Amino acid sequence: FKAIQQKLESLQPPTPPIPKTPKLPGI
């Protein structure tokens, strides 16, 4: 079962980290 889970995880594309860049006026 672990082998199947690892295979599914390897097939799924890694989610890119979302950069937190708040646009604050005046800064």
Protein backbone atom coordinates (compact mmCIF):
# COMPACT_ATOMS: atom_id res chain seq x y z
CA PHE A 1 0.00 0.00 0.00
CA LYS A 2 2.87 2.36 0.80
CA ALA A 3 4.41 1.73 -2.61
CA ILE A 4 1.15 2.68 -4.31
CA GLN A 5 0.85 5.83 -2.19
CA GLN A 6 4.40 6.86 -3.04
CA LYS A 7 3.71 6.26 -6.74
CA LEU A 8 0.58 8.44 -6.60
CA GLU A 9 2.50 11.19 -4.81
CA SER A 10 5.27 11.05 -7.38
CA LEU A 11 2.73 11.36 -10.21
CA GLN A 12 1.11 14.43 -8.69
CA PRO A 13 2.88 17.69 -9.63
CA PRO A 14 4.29 19.56 -6.64
CA THR A 15 2.30 22.63 -5.66
CA PRO A 16 4.38 25.79 -6.11
CA PRO A 17 4.67 27.91 -2.95
CA ILE A 18 2.52 31.03 -3.11
CA PRO A 19 4.66 34.11 -2.37
CA LYS A 20 2.91 36.41 0.10
CA THR A 21 3.46 39.91 -1.27
CA PRO A 22 0.86 42.26 0.19
CA LYS A 23 0.52 45.44 -1.85
CA LEU A 24 0.31 48.17 0.78
CA PRO A 25 0.00 51.78 -0.43
CA GLY A 26 2.58 54.20 0.91
CA ILE A 27 5.27 51.57 1.48
